[in-house]
């Protein structure tokens, strides 16, 4: 059985490693393609270094993965965090910073972070769950290789297509369980990796009409990936962003 590797561990490595060199081809998510659309996608940095991905769900709130905000089980200070928004190329985006003390976690691996107002198109939130066999699209600026994920973070947004599979699929052991808050996906074209944590998993639809189905959380770097299901956390998201 392929050894399962949680993106959590690689996100921690990204936070404590030295500078990231984005030298790998920009046309990959370990397979996948370069994105041509994704105004709601947000790049998270810690101490100015690429760390995770997120989604703008309102003009002042970003949704990402909770594990991105911890180092060695300790919270990452707000002053160390920044986000690049407004461009598919993170080198050309605008920097916004968290509002101190305004991040809220859920019981799933999700975190909402309040930031300075952003002038970006925000993501539509899914009101219905995913279904087995559905093709979804994951976005992120994460690793494009498996050898040294710190050395191949993409400077441009990339994407991979995946197919939703049953939560009790043997390949998903350790990732999902029936009735849980997450869903499991198999590779169609590309697989997300370290640095993609917290990134959007969207429905495939014409630009501007897609919906945010999930928050990417982990993968085995080869065949399967996991995401928290947004529809299950919809009441929580709405209650927080109204604050």
C-alpha atoms as a PDB file:
ATOM      1  CA  UNK A   1       0.000   0.000   0.000  1.00  0.00           C
ATOM      2  CA  UNK A   2       1.282   3.450  -0.881  1.00  0.00           C
ATOM      3  CA  UNK A   3       2.373   5.275   2.231  1.00  0.00           C
ATOM      4  CA  UNK A   4      -0.064   8.086   2.998  1.00  0.00           C
ATOM      5  CA  UNK A   5       1.563  11.476   3.491  1.00  0.00           C
ATOM      6  CA  UNK A   6      -0.464  14.257   5.051  1.00  0.00           C
ATOM      7  CA  UNK A   7       0.039  17.734   3.609  1.00  0.00           C
ATOM      8  CA  UNK A   8       0.064  18.946   7.208  1.00  0.00           C
ATOM      9  CA  UNK A   9       3.577  17.595   7.669  1.00  0.00           C
ATOM     10  CA  UNK A  10       4.822  19.177   4.459  1.00  0.00           C
ATOM     11  CA  UNK A  11       3.195  22.495   5.292  1.00  0.00           C
ATOM     12  CA  UNK A  12       5.157  22.486   8.543  1.00  0.00           C
ATOM     13  CA  UNK A  13       8.327  21.808   6.572  1.00  0.00           C
ATOM     14  CA  UNK A  14       7.519  24.687   4.246  1.00  0.00           C
ATOM     15  CA  UNK A  15       7.142  27.034   7.211  1.00  0.00           C
ATOM     16  CA  UNK A  16      10.459  26.162   8.809  1.00  0.00           C
ATOM     17  CA  UNK A  17      12.554  25.657   5.683  1.00  0.00           C
ATOM     18  CA  UNK A  18      14.712  28.283   4.077  1.00  0.00           C
ATOM     19  CA  UNK A  19      13.706  30.373   1.110  1.00  0.00           C
ATOM     20  CA  UNK A  20      11.578  28.626  -1.494  1.00  0.00           C
ATOM     21  CA  UNK A  21      12.917  28.577  -5.029  1.00  0.00           C
ATOM     22  CA  UNK A  22      10.074  28.477  -7.564  1.00  0.00           C
ATOM     23  CA  UNK A  23      12.183  26.922 -10.302  1.00  0.00           C
ATOM     24  CA  UNK A  24       9.975  24.067 -11.485  1.00  0.00           C
ATOM     25  CA  UNK A  25       7.736  24.285 -14.553  1.00  0.00           C
ATOM     26  CA  UNK A  26       4.641  26.357 -13.854  1.00  0.00           C
ATOM     27  CA  UNK A  27       2.447  23.985 -15.831  1.00  0.00           C
ATOM     28  CA  UNK A  28       2.175  21.316 -13.184  1.00  0.00           C
ATOM     29  CA  UNK A  29       0.508  20.444  -9.878  1.00  0.00           C
ATOM     30  CA  UNK A  30       2.555  17.266 -10.014  1.00  0.00           C
ATOM     31  CA  UNK A  31       0.813  16.738 -13.307  1.00  0.00           C
ATOM     32  CA  UNK A  32      -2.132  19.247 -13.892  1.00  0.00           C
ATOM     33  CA  UNK A  33      -2.017  22.533 -15.735  1.00  0.00           C
ATOM     34  CA  UNK A  34      -1.564  26.274 -15.409  1.00  0.00           C
ATOM     35  CA  UNK A  35      -4.760  28.067 -14.358  1.00  0.00           C
ATOM     36  CA  UNK A  36      -6.277  30.782 -16.522  1.00  0.00           C
ATOM     37  CA  UNK A  37      -8.933  31.802 -13.988  1.00  0.00           C
ATOM     38  CA  UNK A  38      -9.157  31.920 -10.206  1.00  0.00           C
ATOM     39  CA  UNK A  39      -9.745  35.449  -8.840  1.00  0.00           C
ATOM     40  CA  UNK A  40     -10.796  34.069  -5.444  1.00  0.00           C
ATOM     41  CA  UNK A  41      -7.569  32.084  -4.939  1.00  0.00           C
ATOM     42  CA  UNK A  42      -5.219  33.427  -2.253  1.00  0.00           C
ATOM     43  CA  UNK A  43      -1.580  32.602  -1.528  1.00  0.00           C
ATOM     44  CA  UNK A  44      -0.608  32.413   2.150  1.00  0.00           C
ATOM     45  CA  UNK A  45       2.924  33.259   3.289  1.00  0.00           C
ATOM     46  CA  UNK A  46       4.613  32.957   6.664  1.00  0.00           C
ATOM     47  CA  UNK A  47       7.617  35.199   7.286  1.00  0.00           C
ATOM     48  CA  UNK A  48       7.370  36.102   3.600  1.00  0.00           C
ATOM     49  CA  UNK A  49       7.793  32.483   2.465  1.00  0.00           C
ATOM     50  CA  UNK A  50       5.126  30.477   0.578  1.00  0.00           C
ATOM     51  CA  UNK A  51       3.164  28.230   2.914  1.00  0.00           C
ATOM     52  CA  UNK A  52      -0.427  27.413   1.918  1.00  0.00           C
ATOM     53  CA  UNK A  53      -3.334  28.417  -0.313  1.00  0.00           C
ATOM     54  CA  UNK A  54      -6.765  29.824   0.546  1.00  0.00           C
ATOM     55  CA  UNK A  55      -9.991  31.205  -0.885  1.00  0.00           C
ATOM     56  CA  UNK A  56     -11.571  34.643  -0.551  1.00  0.00           C
ATOM     57  CA  UNK A  57     -15.139  33.973   0.605  1.00  0.00           C
ATOM     58  CA  UNK A  58     -15.981  37.617   1.308  1.00  0.00           C
ATOM     59  CA  UNK A  59     -14.195  40.950   0.903  1.00  0.00           C
ATOM     60  CA  UNK A  60     -12.701  40.519   4.392  1.00  0.00           C
ATOM     61  CA  UNK A  61     -12.538  36.773   5.025  1.00  0.00           C
ATOM     62  CA  UNK A  62     -10.253  34.037   3.695  1.00  0.00           C
ATOM     63  CA  UNK A  63     -10.999  30.327   4.129  1.00  0.00           C
ATOM     64  CA  UNK A  64      -8.039  27.952   4.416  1.00  0.00           C
ATOM     65  CA  UNK A  65      -6.948  24.832   6.332  1.00  0.00           C
ATOM     66  CA  UNK A  66      -6.527  25.032  10.097  1.00  0.00           C
ATOM     67  CA  UNK A  67      -3.277  23.067  10.054  1.00  0.00           C
ATOM     68  CA  UNK A  68      -1.628  25.853   8.024  1.00  0.00           C
ATOM     69  CA  UNK A  69      -1.711  28.078  11.107  1.00  0.00           C
ATOM     70  CA  UNK A  70       0.332  25.857  13.400  1.00  0.00           C
ATOM     71  CA  UNK A  71       4.032  25.090  13.709  1.00  0.00           C
ATOM     72  CA  UNK A  72       4.984  22.176  15.925  1.00  0.00           C
ATOM     73  CA  UNK A  73       1.493  22.301  17.476  1.00  0.00           C
ATOM     74  CA  UNK A  74       1.879  26.008  18.338  1.00  0.00           C
ATOM     75  CA  UNK A  75      -0.176  28.787  16.683  1.00  0.00           C
ATOM     76  CA  UNK A  76       1.633  30.924  14.117  1.00  0.00           C
ATOM     77  CA  UNK A  77       1.501  34.568  15.211  1.00  0.00           C
ATOM     78  CA  UNK A  78      -0.705  36.853  13.119  1.00  0.00           C
ATOM     79  CA  UNK A  79       2.179  39.265  12.533  1.00  0.00           C
ATOM     80  CA  UNK A  80       4.099  36.544  10.670  1.00  0.00           C
ATOM     81  CA  UNK A  81       1.274  35.857   8.210  1.00  0.00           C
ATOM     82  CA  UNK A  82       0.448  37.643   4.962  1.00  0.00           C
ATOM     83  CA  UNK A  83      -1.604  36.866   1.863  1.00  0.00           C
ATOM     84  CA  UNK A  84      -1.127  37.681  -1.809  1.00  0.00           C
ATOM     85  CA  UNK A  85      -4.393  38.362  -3.609  1.00  0.00           C
ATOM     86  CA  UNK A  86      -5.658  39.632  -6.937  1.00  0.00           C
ATOM     87  CA  UNK A  87      -3.347  37.863  -9.391  1.00  0.00           C
ATOM     88  CA  UNK A  88      -2.754  34.340 -10.680  1.00  0.00           C
ATOM     89  CA  UNK A  89       0.950  35.183 -10.390  1.00  0.00           C
ATOM     90  CA  UNK A  90       1.689  35.603  -6.687  1.00  0.00           C
ATOM     91  CA  UNK A  91       4.626  37.883  -7.522  1.00  0.00           C
ATOM     92  CA  UNK A  92       2.201  40.443  -8.957  1.00  0.00           C
ATOM     93  CA  UNK A  93      -0.559  40.267  -6.359  1.00  0.00           C
ATOM     94  CA  UNK A  94      -1.467  42.692  -3.583  1.00  0.00           C
ATOM     95  CA  UNK A  95      -0.442  41.950   0.002  1.00  0.00           C
ATOM     96  CA  UNK A  96      -3.079  41.918   2.750  1.00  0.00           C
ATOM     97  CA  UNK A  97      -2.565  40.995   6.380  1.00  0.00           C
ATOM     98  CA  UNK A  98      -4.735  39.354   9.041  1.00  0.00           C
ATOM     99  CA  UNK A  99      -6.703  41.443  11.493  1.00  0.00           C
ATOM    100  CA  UNK A 100      -5.043  40.480  14.807  1.00  0.00           C
ATOM    101  CA  UNK A 101      -7.003  37.962  16.818  1.00  0.00           C
ATOM    102  CA  UNK A 102      -9.668  37.483  14.140  1.00  0.00           C
ATOM    103  CA  UNK A 103      -9.255  33.916  12.951  1.00  0.00           C
ATOM    104  CA  UNK A 104     -11.790  31.232  13.728  1.00  0.00           C
ATOM    105  CA  UNK A 105     -11.386  27.479  13.333  1.00  0.00           C
ATOM    106  CA  UNK A 106     -14.066  24.843  12.799  1.00  0.00           C
ATOM    107  CA  UNK A 107     -14.320  21.249  13.958  1.00  0.00           C
ATOM    108  CA  UNK A 108     -13.137  20.280  10.457  1.00  0.00           C
ATOM    109  CA  UNK A 109      -9.679  21.212   9.138  1.00  0.00           C
ATOM    110  CA  UNK A 110     -10.846  24.718   8.199  1.00  0.00           C
ATOM    111  CA  UNK A 111      -9.896  28.205   9.334  1.00  0.00           C
ATOM    112  CA  UNK A 112     -11.512  31.560   8.569  1.00  0.00           C
ATOM    113  CA  UNK A 113      -9.155  34.528   8.736  1.00  0.00           C
ATOM    114  CA  UNK A 114     -10.303  38.138   8.742  1.00  0.00           C
ATOM    115  CA  UNK A 115      -8.057  40.429   6.676  1.00  0.00           C
ATOM    116  CA  UNK A 116      -7.873  43.974   5.421  1.00  0.00           C
ATOM    117  CA  UNK A 117     -10.542  44.583   2.730  1.00  0.00           C
ATOM    118  CA  UNK A 118      -9.723  42.889  -0.577  1.00  0.00           C
ATOM    119  CA  UNK A 119     -10.783  44.011  -4.044  1.00  0.00           C
ATOM    120  CA  UNK A 120     -11.232  40.525  -5.501  1.00  0.00           C
ATOM    121  CA  UNK A 121     -14.045  38.369  -6.801  1.00  0.00           C
ATOM    122  CA  UNK A 122     -15.134  36.083  -3.988  1.00  0.00           C
ATOM    123  CA  UNK A 123     -16.089  32.425  -4.290  1.00  0.00           C
ATOM    124  CA  UNK A 124     -19.654  31.146  -4.294  1.00  0.00           C
ATOM    125  CA  UNK A 125     -20.242  28.676  -1.463  1.00  0.00           C
ATOM    126  CA  UNK A 126     -21.709  25.274  -2.249  1.00  0.00           C
ATOM    127  CA  UNK A 127     -25.044  24.570  -0.590  1.00  0.00           C
ATOM    128  CA  UNK A 128     -25.132  20.896  -1.590  1.00  0.00           C
ATOM    129  CA  UNK A 129     -22.589  18.164  -1.035  1.00  0.00           C
ATOM    130  CA  UNK A 130     -20.424  16.460  -3.626  1.00  0.00           C
ATOM    131  CA  UNK A 131     -21.467  13.148  -5.147  1.00  0.00           C
ATOM    132  CA  UNK A 132     -19.471  10.042  -6.043  1.00  0.00           C
ATOM    133  CA  UNK A 133     -18.195  10.260  -9.595  1.00  0.00           C
ATOM    134  CA  UNK A 134     -18.268  14.071  -9.720  1.00  0.00           C
ATOM    135  CA  UNK A 135     -15.260  15.709 -11.394  1.00  0.00           C
ATOM    136  CA  UNK A 136     -13.923  18.642  -9.359  1.00  0.00           C
ATOM    137  CA  UNK A 137     -11.054  21.075  -9.820  1.00  0.00           C
ATOM    138  CA  UNK A 138      -8.412  21.909  -7.213  1.00  0.00           C
ATOM    139  CA  UNK A 139      -6.340  25.105  -7.308  1.00  0.00           C
ATOM    140  CA  UNK A 140      -3.081  26.054  -5.601  1.00  0.00           C
ATOM    141  CA  UNK A 141       0.444  27.456  -5.782  1.00  0.00           C
ATOM    142  CA  UNK A 142       2.014  24.406  -4.161  1.00  0.00           C
ATOM    143  CA  UNK A 143       4.701  21.906  -5.093  1.00  0.00           C
ATOM    144  CA  UNK A 144       5.152  20.695  -8.654  1.00  0.00           C
ATOM    145  CA  UNK A 145       7.491  17.843  -7.674  1.00  0.00           C
ATOM    146  CA  UNK A 146       7.899  15.217  -4.969  1.00  0.00           C
ATOM    147  CA  UNK A 147      11.656  15.239  -4.422  1.00  0.00           C
ATOM    148  CA  UNK A 148      11.967  18.569  -2.553  1.00  0.00           C
ATOM    149  CA  UNK A 149       8.635  20.334  -2.281  1.00  0.00           C
ATOM    150  CA  UNK A 150      10.260  23.467  -0.884  1.00  0.00           C
ATOM    151  CA  UNK A 151      12.296  23.850  -4.058  1.00  0.00           C
ATOM    152  CA  UNK A 152       9.447  23.575  -6.556  1.00  0.00           C
ATOM    153  CA  UNK A 153       6.641  25.816  -5.314  1.00  0.00           C
ATOM    154  CA  UNK A 154       4.872  27.373  -8.275  1.00  0.00           C
ATOM    155  CA  UNK A 155       4.805  31.181  -8.626  1.00  0.00           C
ATOM    156  CA  UNK A 156       1.614  30.922 -10.716  1.00  0.00           C
ATOM    157  CA  UNK A 157      -1.735  29.386  -9.871  1.00  0.00           C
ATOM    158  CA  UNK A 158      -2.170  25.830 -11.113  1.00  0.00           C
ATOM    159  CA  UNK A 159      -4.935  23.275 -11.083  1.00  0.00           C
ATOM    160  CA  UNK A 160      -5.725  19.590 -11.156  1.00  0.00           C
ATOM    161  CA  UNK A 161      -8.905  17.692 -11.922  1.00  0.00           C
ATOM    162  CA  UNK A 162     -10.013  14.917  -9.581  1.00  0.00           C
ATOM    163  CA  UNK A 163     -12.958  12.542  -9.288  1.00  0.00           C
ATOM    164  CA  UNK A 164     -14.909  12.128  -6.038  1.00  0.00           C
ATOM    165  CA  UNK A 165     -14.838   8.534  -4.773  1.00  0.00           C
ATOM    166  CA  UNK A 166     -16.592   6.750  -1.936  1.00  0.00           C
ATOM    167  CA  UNK A 167     -15.268   7.697   1.526  1.00  0.00           C
ATOM    168  CA  UNK A 168     -14.819   4.005   2.325  1.00  0.00           C
ATOM    169  CA  UNK A 169     -12.706   3.378  -0.787  1.00  0.00           C
ATOM    170  CA  UNK A 170      -9.657   1.404   0.474  1.00  0.00           C
ATOM    171  CA  UNK A 171      -7.332   4.009  -1.070  1.00  0.00           C
ATOM    172  CA  UNK A 172      -8.882   6.659   1.201  1.00  0.00           C
ATOM    173  CA  UNK A 173      -8.095   4.857   4.454  1.00  0.00           C
ATOM    174  CA  UNK A 174      -6.719   7.373   6.914  1.00  0.00           C
ATOM    175  CA  UNK A 175      -8.246  10.277   5.006  1.00  0.00           C
ATOM    176  CA  UNK A 176     -12.011   9.913   5.059  1.00  0.00           C
ATOM    177  CA  UNK A 177     -14.752   7.898   6.716  1.00  0.00           C
ATOM    178  CA  UNK A 178     -18.474   7.594   5.967  1.00  0.00           C
ATOM    179  CA  UNK A 179     -20.388  10.423   7.648  1.00  0.00           C
ATOM    180  CA  UNK A 180     -17.250  12.485   8.256  1.00  0.00           C
ATOM    181  CA  UNK A 181     -16.586  16.127   7.307  1.00  0.00           C
ATOM    182  CA  UNK A 182     -14.235  15.285   4.414  1.00  0.00           C
ATOM    183  CA  UNK A 183     -14.518  13.783   0.944  1.00  0.00           C
ATOM    184  CA  UNK A 184     -11.985  11.722  -0.973  1.00  0.00           C
ATOM    185  CA  UNK A 185     -10.880  12.201  -4.589  1.00  0.00           C
ATOM    186  CA  UNK A 186      -8.829  10.236  -7.088  1.00  0.00           C
ATOM    187  CA  UNK A 187      -6.454  11.704  -9.633  1.00  0.00           C
ATOM    188  CA  UNK A 188      -7.742  12.502 -13.112  1.00  0.00           C
ATOM    189  CA  UNK A 189      -5.106  15.019 -14.205  1.00  0.00           C
ATOM    190  CA  UNK A 190      -2.612  16.073 -11.571  1.00  0.00           C
ATOM    191  CA  UNK A 191      -2.496  15.716  -7.791  1.00  0.00           C
ATOM    192  CA  UNK A 192      -2.159  18.488  -5.167  1.00  0.00           C
ATOM    193  CA  UNK A 193       0.794  18.535  -2.787  1.00  0.00           C
ATOM    194  CA  UNK A 194       2.597  20.610  -0.131  1.00  0.00           C
ATOM    195  CA  UNK A 195       1.727  24.311  -0.352  1.00  0.00           C
ATOM    196  CA  UNK A 196      -1.710  23.556  -1.841  1.00  0.00           C
ATOM    197  CA  UNK A 197      -3.141  22.968   1.651  1.00  0.00           C
ATOM    198  CA  UNK A 198      -6.218  25.076   2.303  1.00  0.00           C
ATOM    199  CA  UNK A 199      -6.778  25.733  -1.385  1.00  0.00           C
ATOM    200  CA  UNK A 200     -10.143  25.685  -3.132  1.00  0.00           C
ATOM    201  CA  UNK A 201     -11.743  22.595  -4.591  1.00  0.00           C
ATOM    202  CA  UNK A 202     -14.327  23.949  -7.023  1.00  0.00           C
ATOM    203  CA  UNK A 203     -17.103  22.647  -9.223  1.00  0.00           C
ATOM    204  CA  UNK A 204     -16.291  22.742 -12.931  1.00  0.00           C
ATOM    205  CA  UNK A 205     -18.473  25.396 -14.545  1.00  0.00           C
ATOM    206  CA  UNK A 206     -18.168  28.547 -16.697  1.00  0.00           C
ATOM    207  CA  UNK A 207     -15.899  31.166 -15.139  1.00  0.00           C
ATOM    208  CA  UNK A 208     -17.746  33.066 -12.442  1.00  0.00           C
ATOM    209  CA  UNK A 209     -20.384  30.391 -11.869  1.00  0.00           C
ATOM    210  CA  UNK A 210     -18.306  27.649 -10.209  1.00  0.00           C
ATOM    211  CA  UNK A 211     -18.872  26.964  -6.506  1.00  0.00           C
ATOM    212  CA  UNK A 212     -16.492  26.232  -3.637  1.00  0.00           C
ATOM    213  CA  UNK A 213     -17.041  22.580  -2.755  1.00  0.00           C
ATOM    214  CA  UNK A 214     -14.085  21.874  -0.511  1.00  0.00           C
ATOM    215  CA  UNK A 215     -10.908  22.943   1.254  1.00  0.00           C
ATOM    216  CA  UNK A 216      -7.931  20.801   0.272  1.00  0.00           C
ATOM    217  CA  UNK A 217      -6.292  19.084   3.227  1.00  0.00           C
ATOM    218  CA  UNK A 218      -4.026  16.189   2.197  1.00  0.00           C
ATOM    219  CA  UNK A 219      -2.869  13.764  -0.512  1.00  0.00           C
ATOM    220  CA  UNK A 220      -0.608  10.780  -1.042  1.00  0.00           C
ATOM    221  CA  UNK A 221       1.173  12.629  -3.902  1.00  0.00           C
ATOM    222  CA  UNK A 222       0.197   9.870  -6.333  1.00  0.00           C
ATOM    223  CA  UNK A 223      -3.451   8.855  -6.585  1.00  0.00           C
ATOM    224  CA  UNK A 224      -5.796  10.220  -3.885  1.00  0.00           C
ATOM    225  CA  UNK A 225      -6.505  13.494  -2.098  1.00  0.00           C
ATOM    226  CA  UNK A 226      -8.805  14.748   0.652  1.00  0.00           C
ATOM    227  CA  UNK A 227     -10.831  17.920   1.200  1.00  0.00           C
ATOM    228  CA  UNK A 228     -13.129  19.256   3.886  1.00  0.00           C
ATOM    229  CA  UNK A 229     -16.697  19.607   2.564  1.00  0.00           C
ATOM    230  CA  UNK A 230     -17.866  23.225   2.516  1.00  0.00           C
ATOM    231  CA  UNK A 231     -21.598  22.426   2.483  1.00  0.00           C
ATOM    232  CA  UNK A 232     -21.228  20.691   5.852  1.00  0.00           C
ATOM    233  CA  UNK A 233     -19.613  23.824   7.297  1.00  0.00           C
ATOM    234  CA  UNK A 234     -21.854  26.341   5.520  1.00  0.00           C
ATOM    235  CA  UNK A 235     -23.729  27.553   8.604  1.00  0.00           C
ATOM    236  CA  UNK A 236     -20.417  28.087  10.417  1.00  0.00           C
ATOM    237  CA  UNK A 237     -18.883  30.003   7.477  1.00  0.00           C
ATOM    238  CA  UNK A 238     -21.905  32.261   7.132  1.00  0.00           C
ATOM    239  CA  UNK A 239     -22.108  32.976  10.842  1.00  0.00           C
ATOM    240  CA  UNK A 240     -18.444  33.958  11.037  1.00  0.00           C
ATOM    241  CA  UNK A 241     -18.290  36.215   7.963  1.00  0.00           C
ATOM    242  CA  UNK A 242     -21.348  38.143   9.179  1.00  0.00           C
ATOM    243  CA  UNK A 243     -19.394  39.269  12.238  1.00  0.00           C
END
